Amino acid sequence: MDVAAVKALCSSYASVSSKLYDPPSNVLVYYVGGRKFAYFKTSEPEKWRFSVRVTPERFLELTDVPGIKPARYMARFHWVTIVDVASVPEDYLRELVAWSYERATRRSGKSRRAGKAR
């Protein structure tokens, strides 16, 4: 799976929006319900590195895999960065993106419900 295919996958989920942040951030972020679930770095030297949120258990597993590392500034929330998306099997990458999307939708629903109760 290449970068274009991963972008299409992220955009294919319901209620997804994306935003391209200019310097100094230089990221393309995918949101659902106002919650981030995936992003690409868009500047060198990390251009097209892809990050998603994973379970704490999977975080430990994935950070031992060559080419996958803790996401800068987001590792404490169990985000990983995949250096080259083509190096990860397509089915596994789809599973990671789906879990991150589902996690964001669950969290955004709780936030909305909490806001209505006030």
PDB file of N, CA and C in Angstrom:
ATOM      1  N   MET A   1       0.855  -1.169   0.000  1.00  0.00           N
ATOM      2  CA  MET A   1       0.000   0.000   0.000  1.00  0.00           C
ATOM      3  C   MET A   1       0.903   1.235   0.000  1.00  0.00           C
ATOM      4  N   ASP A   2       0.654   2.155  -0.923  1.00  0.00           N
ATOM      5  CA  ASP A   2       1.471   3.357  -1.007  1.00  0.00           C
ATOM      6  C   ASP A   2       0.789   4.529  -0.297  1.00  0.00           C
ATOM      7  N   VAL A   3       1.443   5.670  -0.290  1.00  0.00           N
ATOM      8  CA  VAL A   3       0.940   6.849   0.413  1.00  0.00           C
ATOM      9  C   VAL A   3      -0.435   7.261  -0.107  1.00  0.00           C
ATOM     10  N   ALA A   4      -0.614   7.285  -1.425  1.00  0.00           N
ATOM     11  CA  ALA A   4      -1.904   7.679  -2.010  1.00  0.00           C
ATOM     12  C   ALA A   4      -3.023   6.738  -1.557  1.00  0.00           C
ATOM     13  N   ALA A   5      -2.740   5.451  -1.490  1.00  0.00           N
ATOM     14  CA  ALA A   5      -3.745   4.479  -1.054  1.00  0.00           C
ATOM     15  C   ALA A   5      -4.096   4.667   0.417  1.00  0.00           C
ATOM     16  N   VAL A   6      -3.121   4.989   1.239  1.00  0.00           N
ATOM     17  CA  VAL A   6      -3.396   5.224   2.659  1.00  0.00           C
ATOM     18  C   VAL A   6      -4.206   6.505   2.831  1.00  0.00           C
ATOM     19  N   LYS A   7      -3.896   7.531   2.061  1.00  0.00           N
ATOM     20  CA  LYS A   7      -4.697   8.764   2.103  1.00  0.00           C
ATOM     21  C   LYS A   7      -6.138   8.471   1.716  1.00  0.00           C
ATOM     22  N   ALA A   8      -6.328   7.690   0.656  1.00  0.00           N
ATOM     23  CA  ALA A   8      -7.679   7.320   0.217  1.00  0.00           C
ATOM     24  C   ALA A   8      -8.392   6.508   1.290  1.00  0.00           C
ATOM     25  N   LEU A   9      -7.684   5.598   1.932  1.00  0.00           N
ATOM     26  CA  LEU A   9      -8.269   4.797   3.005  1.00  0.00           C
ATOM     27  C   LEU A   9      -8.739   5.692   4.146  1.00  0.00           C
ATOM     28  N   CYS A  10      -7.905   6.600   4.591  1.00  0.00           N
ATOM     29  CA  CYS A  10      -8.278   7.499   5.684  1.00  0.00           C
ATOM     30  C   CYS A  10      -9.486   8.363   5.313  1.00  0.00           C
ATOM     31  N   SER A  11      -9.527   8.812   4.083  1.00  0.00           N
ATOM     32  CA  SER A  11     -10.640   9.657   3.627  1.00  0.00           C
ATOM     33  C   SER A  11     -11.925   8.883   3.413  1.00  0.00           C
ATOM     34  N   SER A  12     -11.846   7.569   3.293  1.00  0.00           N
ATOM     35  CA  SER A  12     -13.023   6.760   2.968  1.00  0.00           C
ATOM     36  C   SER A  12     -13.957   6.526   4.154  1.00  0.00           C
ATOM     37  N   TYR A  13     -13.501   6.760   5.361  1.00  0.00           N
ATOM     38  CA  TYR A  13     -14.353   6.538   6.538  1.00  0.00           C
ATOM     39  C   TYR A  13     -15.412   7.627   6.652  1.00  0.00           C
ATOM     40  N   ALA A  14     -16.520   7.296   7.306  1.00  0.00           N
ATOM     41  CA  ALA A  14     -17.635   8.234   7.459  1.00  0.00           C
ATOM     42  C   ALA A  14     -17.235   9.439   8.302  1.00  0.00           C
ATOM     43  N   SER A  15     -17.719  10.611   7.901  1.00  0.00           N
ATOM     44  CA  SER A  15     -17.557  11.866   8.647  1.00  0.00           C
ATOM     45  C   SER A  15     -16.106  12.300   8.841  1.00  0.00           C
ATOM     46  N   VAL A  16     -15.227  11.905   7.939  1.00  0.00           N
ATOM     47  CA  VAL A  16     -13.811  12.268   8.053  1.00  0.00           C
ATOM     48  C   VAL A  16     -13.549  13.598   7.363  1.00  0.00           C
ATOM     49  N   SER A  17     -12.740  14.412   8.012  1.00  0.00           N
ATOM     50  CA  SER A  17     -12.249  15.638   7.383  1.00  0.00           C
ATOM     51  C   SER A  17     -10.729  15.622   7.487  1.00  0.00           C
ATOM     52  N   SER A  18     -10.098  16.380   6.639  1.00  0.00           N
ATOM     53  CA  SER A  18      -8.641  16.466   6.704  1.00  0.00           C
ATOM     54  C   SER A  18      -8.235  17.927   6.632  1.00  0.00           C
ATOM     55  N   LYS A  19      -7.084  18.194   7.205  1.00  0.00           N
ATOM     56  CA  LYS A  19      -6.565  19.562   7.188  1.00  0.00           C
ATOM     57  C   LYS A  19      -5.065  19.501   7.015  1.00  0.00           C
ATOM     58  N   LEU A  20      -4.566  20.320   6.107  1.00  0.00           N
ATOM     59  CA  LEU A  20      -3.134  20.432   5.865  1.00  0.00           C
ATOM     60  C   LEU A  20      -2.616  21.642   6.639  1.00  0.00           C
ATOM     61  N   TYR A  21      -1.725  21.384   7.577  1.00  0.00           N
ATOM     62  CA  TYR A  21      -1.126  22.453   8.372  1.00  0.00           C
ATOM     63  C   TYR A  21       0.194  22.866   7.738  1.00  0.00           C
ATOM     64  N   ASP A  22       0.357  24.169   7.564  1.00  0.00           N
ATOM     65  CA  ASP A  22       1.575  24.730   6.986  1.00  0.00           C
ATOM     66  C   ASP A  22       2.686  24.783   8.029  1.00  0.00           C
ATOM     67  N   PRO A  23       3.882  25.235   7.615  1.00  0.00           N
ATOM     68  CA  PRO A  23       4.993  25.345   8.565  1.00  0.00           C
ATOM     69  C   PRO A  23       4.579  26.157   9.788  1.00  0.00           C
ATOM     70  N   PRO A  24       5.066  25.834  10.936  1.00  0.00           N
ATOM     71  CA  PRO A  24       6.128  24.884  11.207  1.00  0.00           C
ATOM     72  C   PRO A  24       5.650  23.439  11.380  1.00  0.00           C
ATOM     73  N   SER A  25       4.352  23.200  11.442  1.00  0.00           N
ATOM     74  CA  SER A  25       3.854  21.844  11.688  1.00  0.00           C
ATOM     75  C   SER A  25       4.084  20.904  10.509  1.00  0.00           C
ATOM     76  N   ASN A  26       3.672  21.332   9.316  1.00  0.00           N
ATOM     77  CA  ASN A  26       3.836  20.520   8.106  1.00  0.00           C
ATOM     78  C   ASN A  26       3.242  19.123   8.244  1.00  0.00           C
ATOM     79  N   VAL A  27       1.973  19.052   8.580  1.00  0.00           N
ATOM     80  CA  VAL A  27       1.295  17.760   8.688  1.00  0.00           C
ATOM     81  C   VAL A  27      -0.049  17.804   7.983  1.00  0.00           C
ATOM     82  N   LEU A  28      -0.457  16.637   7.484  1.00  0.00           N
ATOM     83  CA  LEU A  28      -1.784  16.431   6.927  1.00  0.00           C
ATOM     84  C   LEU A  28      -2.516  15.558   7.932  1.00  0.00           C
ATOM     85  N   VAL A  29      -3.531  16.113   8.589  1.00  0.00           N
ATOM     86  CA  VAL A  29      -4.213  15.434   9.689  1.00  0.00           C
ATOM     87  C   VAL A  29      -5.606  15.006   9.252  1.00  0.00           C
ATOM     88  N   TYR A  30      -5.987  13.792   9.651  1.00  0.00           N
ATOM     89  CA  TYR A  30      -7.333  13.260   9.413  1.00  0.00           C
ATOM     90  C   TYR A  30      -8.092  13.256  10.737  1.00  0.00           C
ATOM     91  N   TYR A  31      -9.303  13.840  10.694  1.00  0.00           N
ATOM     92  CA  TYR A  31     -10.138  13.976  11.879  1.00  0.00           C
ATOM     93  C   TYR A  31     -11.480  13.277  11.685  1.00  0.00           C
ATOM     94  N   VAL A  32     -12.069  12.847  12.784  1.00  0.00           N
ATOM     95  CA  VAL A  32     -13.463  12.412  12.819  1.00  0.00           C
ATOM     96  C   VAL A  32     -14.059  12.992  14.099  1.00  0.00           C
ATOM     97  N   GLY A  33     -15.156  13.720  13.953  1.00  0.00           N
ATOM     98  CA  GLY A  33     -15.770  14.342  15.113  1.00  0.00           C
ATOM     99  C   GLY A  33     -14.835  15.277  15.857  1.00  0.00           C
ATOM    100  N   GLY A  34     -13.932  15.929  15.137  1.00  0.00           N
ATOM    101  CA  GLY A  34     -12.997  16.843  15.759  1.00  0.00           C
ATOM    102  C   GLY A  34     -11.812  16.166  16.439  1.00  0.00           C
ATOM    103  N   ARG A  35     -11.721  14.848  16.355  1.00  0.00           N
ATOM    104  CA  ARG A  35     -10.637  14.087  16.989  1.00  0.00           C
ATOM    105  C   ARG A  35      -9.691  13.546  15.931  1.00  0.00           C
ATOM    106  N   LYS A  36      -8.405  13.730  16.154  1.00  0.00           N
ATOM    107  CA  LYS A  36      -7.377  13.251  15.237  1.00  0.00           C
ATOM    108  C   LYS A  36      -7.303  11.726  15.305  1.00  0.00           C
ATOM    109  N   PHE A  37      -7.218  11.055  14.129  1.00  0.00           N
ATOM    110  CA  PHE A  37      -7.019   9.611  14.147  1.00  0.00           C
ATOM    111  C   PHE A  37      -5.837   9.161  13.292  1.00  0.00           C
ATOM    112  N   ALA A  38      -5.303  10.040  12.457  1.00  0.00           N
ATOM    113  CA  ALA A  38      -4.135   9.692  11.644  1.00  0.00           C
ATOM    114  C   ALA A  38      -3.533  10.969  11.087  1.00  0.00           C
ATOM    115  N   TYR A  39      -2.228  10.910  10.804  1.00  0.00           N
ATOM    116  CA  TYR A  39      -1.603  12.062  10.156  1.00  0.00           C
ATOM    117  C   TYR A  39      -0.334  11.662   9.414  1.00  0.00           C
ATOM    118  N   PHE A  40      -0.038  12.461   8.400  1.00  0.00           N
ATOM    119  CA  PHE A  40       1.181  12.331   7.607  1.00  0.00           C
ATOM    120  C   PHE A  40       2.053  13.551   7.856  1.00  0.00           C
ATOM    121  N   LYS A  41       3.329  13.345   7.958  1.00  0.00           N
ATOM    122  CA  LYS A  41       4.288  14.447   7.968  1.00  0.00           C
ATOM    123  C   LYS A  41       4.499  14.836   6.501  1.00  0.00           C
ATOM    124  N   THR A  42       4.510  16.142   6.192  1.00  0.00           N
ATOM    125  CA  THR A  42       4.570  16.566   4.788  1.00  0.00           C
ATOM    126  C   THR A  42       5.845  17.323   4.417  1.00  0.00           C
ATOM    127  N   SER A  43       6.833  17.320   5.294  1.00  0.00           N
ATOM    128  CA  SER A  43       8.083  18.014   4.973  1.00  0.00           C
ATOM    129  C   SER A  43       9.272  17.089   5.179  1.00  0.00           C
ATOM    130  N   GLU A  44      10.353  17.423   4.520  1.00  0.00           N
ATOM    131  CA  GLU A  44      11.595  16.658   4.673  1.00  0.00           C
ATOM    132  C   GLU A  44      12.172  16.926   6.058  1.00  0.00           C
ATOM    133  N   PRO A  45      12.881  16.062   6.669  1.00  0.00           N
ATOM    134  CA  PRO A  45      13.344  14.769   6.179  1.00  0.00           C
ATOM    135  C   PRO A  45      12.369  13.625   6.455  1.00  0.00           C
ATOM    136  N   GLU A  46      11.213  13.938   7.034  1.00  0.00           N
ATOM    137  CA  GLU A  46      10.272  12.880   7.410  1.00  0.00           C
ATOM    138  C   GLU A  46       9.064  12.805   6.488  1.00  0.00           C
ATOM    139  N   LYS A  47       9.180  13.286   5.280  1.00  0.00           N
ATOM    140  CA  LYS A  47       8.045  13.367   4.368  1.00  0.00           C
ATOM    141  C   LYS A  47       7.361  12.016   4.180  1.00  0.00           C
ATOM    142  N   TRP A  48       6.045  12.041   4.341  1.00  0.00           N
ATOM    143  CA  TRP A  48       5.119  10.923   4.167  1.00  0.00           C
ATOM    144  C   TRP A  48       5.245   9.835   5.238  1.00  0.00           C
ATOM    145  N   ARG A  49       5.865  10.164   6.365  1.00  0.00           N
ATOM    146  CA  ARG A  49       5.792   9.255   7.504  1.00  0.00           C
ATOM    147  C   ARG A  49       4.382   9.339   8.051  1.00  0.00           C
ATOM    148  N   PHE A  50       3.827   8.195   8.386  1.00  0.00           N
ATOM    149  CA  PHE A  50       2.409   8.075   8.734  1.00  0.00           C
ATOM    150  C   PHE A  50       2.263   7.675  10.191  1.00  0.00           C
ATOM    151  N   SER A  51       1.377   8.343  10.919  1.00  0.00           N
ATOM    152  CA  SER A  51       1.189   8.052  12.339  1.00  0.00           C
ATOM    153  C   SER A  51      -0.272   7.737  12.651  1.00  0.00           C
ATOM    154  N   VAL A  52      -0.459   6.748  13.514  1.00  0.00           N
ATOM    155  CA  VAL A  52      -1.788   6.347  13.993  1.00  0.00           C
ATOM    156  C   VAL A  52      -1.701   6.006  15.476  1.00  0.00           C
ATOM    157  N   ARG A  53      -2.869   6.017  16.116  1.00  0.00           N
ATOM    158  CA  ARG A  53      -2.944   5.620  17.517  1.00  0.00           C
ATOM    159  C   ARG A  53      -3.209   4.122  17.584  1.00  0.00           C
ATOM    160  N   VAL A  54      -2.591   3.454  18.557  1.00  0.00           N
ATOM    161  CA  VAL A  54      -2.750   2.011  18.727  1.00  0.00           C
ATOM    162  C   VAL A  54      -2.999   1.696  20.196  1.00  0.00           C
ATOM    163  N   THR A  55      -3.329   0.444  20.479  1.00  0.00           N
ATOM    164  CA  THR A  55      -3.528   0.025  21.868  1.00  0.00           C
ATOM    165  C   THR A  55      -2.184   0.046  22.598  1.00  0.00           C
ATOM    166  N   PRO A  56      -2.202   0.148  23.920  1.00  0.00           N
ATOM    167  CA  PRO A  56      -0.937   0.112  24.665  1.00  0.00           C
ATOM    168  C   PRO A  56      -0.130  -1.169  24.401  1.00  0.00           C
ATOM    169  N   GLU A  57      -0.820  -2.290  24.278  1.00  0.00           N
ATOM    170  CA  GLU A  57      -0.141  -3.559  24.017  1.00  0.00           C
ATOM    171  C   GLU A  57       0.501  -3.558  22.632  1.00  0.00           C
ATOM    172  N   ARG A  58      -0.251  -3.085  21.655  1.00  0.00           N
ATOM    173  CA  ARG A  58       0.262  -3.046  20.284  1.00  0.00           C
ATOM    174  C   ARG A  58       1.383  -2.026  20.158  1.00  0.00           C
ATOM    175  N   PHE A  59       1.326  -0.954  20.939  1.00  0.00           N
ATOM    176  CA  PHE A  59       2.391   0.053  20.934  1.00  0.00           C
ATOM    177  C   PHE A  59       3.726  -0.608  21.287  1.00  0.00           C
ATOM    178  N   LEU A  60       3.727  -1.402  22.341  1.00  0.00           N
ATOM    179  CA  LEU A  60       4.958  -2.095  22.745  1.00  0.00           C
ATOM    180  C   LEU A  60       5.431  -3.061  21.666  1.00  0.00           C
ATOM    181  N   GLU A  61       4.491  -3.763  21.067  1.00  0.00           N
ATOM    182  CA  GLU A  61       4.817  -4.725  20.006  1.00  0.00           C
ATOM    183  C   GLU A  61       5.392  -4.004  18.777  1.00  0.00           C
ATOM    184  N   LEU A  62       4.715  -2.953  18.337  1.00  0.00           N
ATOM    185  CA  LEU A  62       5.101  -2.275  17.093  1.00  0.00           C
ATOM    186  C   LEU A  62       6.408  -1.495  17.211  1.00  0.00           C
ATOM    187  N   THR A  63       6.684  -0.936  18.370  1.00  0.00           N
ATOM    188  CA  THR A  63       7.902  -0.144  18.486  1.00  0.00           C
ATOM    189  C   THR A  63       9.165  -1.009  18.482  1.00  0.00           C
ATOM    190  N   ASP A  64       8.997  -2.322  18.521  1.00  0.00           N
ATOM    191  CA  ASP A  64      10.130  -3.234  18.354  1.00  0.00           C
ATOM    192  C   ASP A  64      10.345  -3.632  16.891  1.00  0.00           C
ATOM    193  N   VAL A  65       9.426  -3.235  16.020  1.00  0.00           N
ATOM    194  CA  VAL A  65       9.501  -3.579  14.596  1.00  0.00           C
ATOM    195  C   VAL A  65      10.356  -2.534  13.875  1.00  0.00           C
ATOM    196  N   PRO A  66      11.334  -2.965  13.077  1.00  0.00           N
ATOM    197  CA  PRO A  66      12.133  -1.992  12.307  1.00  0.00           C
ATOM    198  C   PRO A  66      11.231  -1.163  11.382  1.00  0.00           C
ATOM    199  N   GLY A  67      11.453   0.140  11.363  1.00  0.00           N
ATOM    200  CA  GLY A  67      10.661   1.023  10.502  1.00  0.00           C
ATOM    201  C   GLY A  67       9.415   1.577  11.174  1.00  0.00           C
ATOM    202  N   ILE A  68       9.165   1.175  12.414  1.00  0.00           N
ATOM    203  CA  ILE A  68       8.037   1.716  13.180  1.00  0.00           C
ATOM    204  C   ILE A  68       8.605   2.196  14.509  1.00  0.00           C
ATOM    205  N   LYS A  69       8.276   3.436  14.846  1.00  0.00           N
ATOM    206  CA  LYS A  69       8.838   4.012  16.070  1.00  0.00           C
ATOM    207  C   LYS A  69       7.775   4.814  16.807  1.00  0.00           C
ATOM    208  N   PRO A  70       8.026   5.134  18.063  1.00  0.00           N
ATOM    209  CA  PRO A  70       7.078   5.988  18.794  1.00  0.00           C
ATOM    210  C   PRO A  70       6.935   7.329  18.078  1.00  0.00           C
ATOM    211  N   ALA A  71       5.721   7.813  17.971  1.00  0.00           N
ATOM    212  CA  ALA A  71       5.486   9.093  17.298  1.00  0.00           C
ATOM    213  C   ALA A  71       5.994  10.238  18.169  1.00  0.00           C
ATOM    214  N   ARG A  72       6.696  11.152  17.535  1.00  0.00           N
ATOM    215  CA  ARG A  72       7.244  12.308  18.248  1.00  0.00           C
ATOM    216  C   ARG A  72       6.126  13.112  18.895  1.00  0.00           C
ATOM    217  N   TYR A  73       6.275  13.420  20.151  1.00  0.00           N
ATOM    218  CA  TYR A  73       5.343  14.195  20.966  1.00  0.00           C
ATOM    219  C   TYR A  73       4.025  13.480  21.254  1.00  0.00           C
ATOM    220  N   MET A  74       3.743  12.355  20.590  1.00  0.00           N
ATOM    221  CA  MET A  74       2.457  11.669  20.770  1.00  0.00           C
ATOM    222  C   MET A  74       2.617  10.258  21.344  1.00  0.00           C
ATOM    223  N   ALA A  75       3.832   9.826  21.575  1.00  0.00           N
ATOM    224  CA  ALA A  75       4.078   8.461  22.048  1.00  0.00           C
ATOM    225  C   ALA A  75       3.409   8.199  23.391  1.00  0.00           C
ATOM    226  N   ARG A  76       3.332   9.199  24.240  1.00  0.00           N
ATOM    227  CA  ARG A  76       2.708   8.967  25.553  1.00  0.00           C
ATOM    228  C   ARG A  76       1.223   8.645  25.430  1.00  0.00           C
ATOM    229  N   PHE A  77       0.641   8.939  24.280  1.00  0.00           N
ATOM    230  CA  PHE A  77      -0.756   8.592  24.009  1.00  0.00           C
ATOM    231  C   PHE A  77      -0.867   7.358  23.120  1.00  0.00           C
ATOM    232  N   HIS A  78       0.238   6.623  22.971  1.00  0.00           N
ATOM    233  CA  HIS A  78       0.306   5.372  22.202  1.00  0.00           C
ATOM    234  C   HIS A  78       0.118   5.571  20.697  1.00  0.00           C
ATOM    235  N   TRP A  79       0.765   6.570  20.166  1.00  0.00           N
ATOM    236  CA  TRP A  79       0.809   6.797  18.726  1.00  0.00           C
ATOM    237  C   TRP A  79       2.140   6.265  18.211  1.00  0.00           C
ATOM    238  N   VAL A  80       2.103   5.618  17.050  1.00  0.00           N
ATOM    239  CA  VAL A  80       3.323   5.139  16.402  1.00  0.00           C
ATOM    240  C   VAL A  80       3.471   5.818  15.041  1.00  0.00           C
ATOM    241  N   THR A  81       4.707   5.931  14.600  1.00  0.00           N
ATOM    242  CA  THR A  81       5.011   6.463  13.272  1.00  0.00           C
ATOM    243  C   THR A  81       5.572   5.342  12.413  1.00  0.00           C
ATOM    244  N   ILE A  82       4.975   5.173  11.254  1.00  0.00           N
ATOM    245  CA  ILE A  82       5.431   4.182  10.276  1.00  0.00           C
ATOM    246  C   ILE A  82       6.263   4.943   9.249  1.00  0.00           C
ATOM    247  N   VAL A  83       7.533   4.628   9.194  1.00  0.00           N
ATOM    248  CA  VAL A  83       8.462   5.364   8.335  1.00  0.00           C
ATOM    249  C   VAL A  83       8.108   5.199   6.855  1.00  0.00           C
ATOM    250  N   ASP A  84       7.785   3.986   6.432  1.00  0.00           N
ATOM    251  CA  ASP A  84       7.429   3.708   5.037  1.00  0.00           C
ATOM    252  C   ASP A  84       6.191   2.816   5.024  1.00  0.00           C
ATOM    253  N   VAL A  85       5.048   3.372   4.634  1.00  0.00           N
ATOM    254  CA  VAL A  85       3.797   2.596   4.671  1.00  0.00           C
ATOM    255  C   VAL A  85       3.849   1.378   3.751  1.00  0.00           C
ATOM    256  N   ALA A  86       4.657   1.436   2.708  1.00  0.00           N
ATOM    257  CA  ALA A  86       4.764   0.301   1.785  1.00  0.00           C
ATOM    258  C   ALA A  86       5.420  -0.912   2.442  1.00  0.00           C
ATOM    259  N   SER A  87       6.116  -0.710   3.550  1.00  0.00           N
ATOM    260  CA  SER A  87       6.798  -1.814   4.218  1.00  0.00           C
ATOM    261  C   SER A  87       5.887  -2.601   5.161  1.00  0.00           C
ATOM    262  N   VAL A  88       4.676  -2.106   5.389  1.00  0.00           N
ATOM    263  CA  VAL A  88       3.724  -2.769   6.290  1.00  0.00           C
ATOM    264  C   VAL A  88       2.692  -3.501   5.436  1.00  0.00           C
ATOM    265  N   PRO A  89       2.367  -4.758   5.775  1.00  0.00           N
ATOM    266  CA  PRO A  89       1.347  -5.486   5.003  1.00  0.00           C
ATOM    267  C   PRO A  89       0.018  -4.711   4.966  1.00  0.00           C
ATOM    268  N   GLU A  90      -0.611  -4.711   3.812  1.00  0.00           N
ATOM    269  CA  GLU A  90      -1.824  -3.916   3.605  1.00  0.00           C
ATOM    270  C   GLU A  90      -2.920  -4.232   4.615  1.00  0.00           C
ATOM    271  N   ASP A  91      -3.198  -5.493   4.855  1.00  0.00           N
ATOM    272  CA  ASP A  91      -4.261  -5.860   5.794  1.00  0.00           C
ATOM    273  C   ASP A  91      -3.969  -5.346   7.199  1.00  0.00           C
ATOM    274  N   TYR A  92      -2.726  -5.435   7.604  1.00  0.00           N
ATOM    275  CA  TYR A  92      -2.330  -4.983   8.937  1.00  0.00           C
ATOM    276  C   TYR A  92      -2.454  -3.466   9.051  1.00  0.00           C
ATOM    277  N   LEU A  93      -2.058  -2.752   8.005  1.00  0.00           N
ATOM    278  CA  LEU A  93      -2.171  -1.301   7.994  1.00  0.00           C
ATOM    279  C   LEU A  93      -3.638  -0.876   8.041  1.00  0.00           C
ATOM    280  N   ARG A  94      -4.478  -1.570   7.291  1.00  0.00           N
ATOM    281  CA  ARG A  94      -5.919  -1.278   7.327  1.00  0.00           C
ATOM    282  C   ARG A  94      -6.486  -1.488   8.734  1.00  0.00           C
ATOM    283  N   GLU A  95      -6.044  -2.538   9.383  1.00  0.00           N
ATOM    284  CA  GLU A  95      -6.489  -2.824  10.745  1.00  0.00           C
ATOM    285  C   GLU A  95      -6.058  -1.713  11.714  1.00  0.00           C
ATOM    286  N   LEU A  96      -4.833  -1.248  11.593  1.00  0.00           N
ATOM    287  CA  LEU A  96      -4.340  -0.178  12.462  1.00  0.00           C
ATOM    288  C   LEU A  96      -5.131   1.116  12.259  1.00  0.00           C
ATOM    289  N   VAL A  97      -5.384   1.472  11.010  1.00  0.00           N
ATOM    290  CA  VAL A  97      -6.137   2.692  10.712  1.00  0.00           C
ATOM    291  C   VAL A  97      -7.572   2.550  11.212  1.00  0.00           C
ATOM    292  N   ALA A  98      -8.189   1.398  11.008  1.00  0.00           N
ATOM    293  CA  ALA A  98      -9.562   1.177  11.454  1.00  0.00           C
ATOM    294  C   ALA A  98      -9.669   1.309  12.973  1.00  0.00           C
ATOM    295  N   TRP A  99      -8.715   0.739  13.702  1.00  0.00           N
ATOM    296  CA  TRP A  99      -8.770   0.830  15.164  1.00  0.00           C
ATOM    297  C   TRP A  99      -8.621   2.276  15.619  1.00  0.00           C
ATOM    298  N   SER A 100      -7.699   3.009  15.020  1.00  0.00           N
ATOM    299  CA  SER A 100      -7.481   4.402  15.387  1.00  0.00           C
ATOM    300  C   SER A 100      -8.741   5.231  15.094  1.00  0.00           C
ATOM    301  N   TYR A 101      -9.375   4.974  13.963  1.00  0.00           N
ATOM    302  CA  TYR A 101     -10.626   5.663  13.607  1.00  0.00           C
ATOM    303  C   TYR A 101     -11.719   5.344  14.628  1.00  0.00           C
ATOM    304  N   GLU A 102     -11.885   4.069  14.947  1.00  0.00           N
ATOM    305  CA  GLU A 102     -12.918   3.659  15.920  1.00  0.00           C
ATOM    306  C   GLU A 102     -12.661   4.288  17.282  1.00  0.00           C
ATOM    307  N   ARG A 103     -11.434   4.325  17.694  1.00  0.00           N
ATOM    308  CA  ARG A 103     -11.066   4.943  18.968  1.00  0.00           C
ATOM    309  C   ARG A 103     -11.458   6.421  18.969  1.00  0.00           C
ATOM    310  N   ALA A 104     -11.174   7.117  17.892  1.00  0.00           N
ATOM    311  CA  ALA A 104     -11.520   8.540  17.799  1.00  0.00           C
ATOM    312  C   ALA A 104     -13.033   8.744  17.793  1.00  0.00           C
ATOM    313  N   THR A 105     -13.785   7.861  17.139  1.00  0.00           N
ATOM    314  CA  THR A 105     -15.246   8.024  17.124  1.00  0.00           C
ATOM    315  C   THR A 105     -15.839   7.760  18.501  1.00  0.00           C
ATOM    316  N   ARG A 106     -15.295   6.808  19.225  1.00  0.00           N
ATOM    317  CA  ARG A 106     -15.785   6.549  20.585  1.00  0.00           C
ATOM    318  C   ARG A 106     -15.517   7.744  21.479  1.00  0.00           C
ATOM    319  N   ARG A 107     -14.349   8.319  21.373  1.00  0.00           N
ATOM    320  CA  ARG A 107     -13.991   9.461  22.209  1.00  0.00           C
ATOM    321  C   ARG A 107     -14.808  10.695  21.834  1.00  0.00           C
ATOM    322  N   SER A 108     -15.053  10.921  20.562  1.00  0.00           N
ATOM    323  CA  SER A 108     -15.800  12.117  20.172  1.00  0.00           C
ATOM    324  C   SER A 108     -17.249  12.006  20.613  1.00  0.00           C
ATOM    325  N   GLY A 109     -17.806  10.793  20.615  1.00  0.00           N
ATOM    326  CA  GLY A 109     -19.171  10.592  21.099  1.00  0.00           C
ATOM    327  C   GLY A 109     -19.295  10.901  22.573  1.00  0.00           C
ATOM    328  N   LYS A 110     -18.326  10.496  23.373  1.00  0.00           N
ATOM    329  CA  LYS A 110     -18.329  10.789  24.808  1.00  0.00           C
ATOM    330  C   LYS A 110     -18.246  12.288  25.036  1.00  0.00           C
ATOM    331  N   SER A 111     -17.419  12.954  24.264  1.00  0.00           N
ATOM    332  CA  SER A 111     -17.270  14.399  24.421  1.00  0.00           C
ATOM    333  C   SER A 111     -18.570  15.109  24.112  1.00  0.00           C
ATOM    334  N   ARG A 112     -19.246  14.695  23.045  1.00  0.00           N
ATOM    335  CA  ARG A 112     -20.517  15.319  22.680  1.00  0.00           C
ATOM    336  C   ARG A 112     -21.572  15.066  23.742  1.00  0.00           C
ATOM    337  N   ARG A 113     -21.652  13.832  24.245  1.00  0.00           N
ATOM    338  CA  ARG A 113     -22.649  13.520  25.273  1.00  0.00           C
ATOM    339  C   ARG A 113     -22.383  14.319  26.539  1.00  0.00           C
ATOM    340  N   ALA A 114     -21.142  14.466  26.921  1.00  0.00           N
ATOM    341  CA  ALA A 114     -20.790  15.238  28.117  1.00  0.00           C
ATOM    342  C   ALA A 114     -21.177  16.698  27.940  1.00  0.00           C
ATOM    343  N   GLY A 115     -20.998  17.218  26.744  1.00  0.00           N
ATOM    344  CA  GLY A 115     -21.353  18.595  26.471  1.00  0.00           C
ATOM    345  C   GLY A 115     -22.846  18.850  26.526  1.00  0.00           C
ATOM    346  N   LYS A 116     -23.648  17.866  26.103  1.00  0.00           N
ATOM    347  CA  LYS A 116     -25.107  17.999  26.121  1.00  0.00           C
ATOM    348  C   LYS A 116     -25.647  17.943  27.536  1.00  0.00           C
ATOM    349  N   ALA A 117     -24.942  17.238  28.432  1.00  0.00           N
ATOM    350  CA  ALA A 117     -25.433  17.088  29.801  1.00  0.00           C
ATOM    351  C   ALA A 117     -25.264  18.352  30.611  1.00  0.00           C
ATOM    352  N   ARG A 118     -24.435  19.250  30.172  1.00  0.00           N
ATOM    353  CA  ARG A 118     -24.167  20.477  30.942  1.00  0.00           C
ATOM    354  C   ARG A 118     -25.295  21.439  30.872  1.00  0.00           C
TER     355      ARG A 118
END
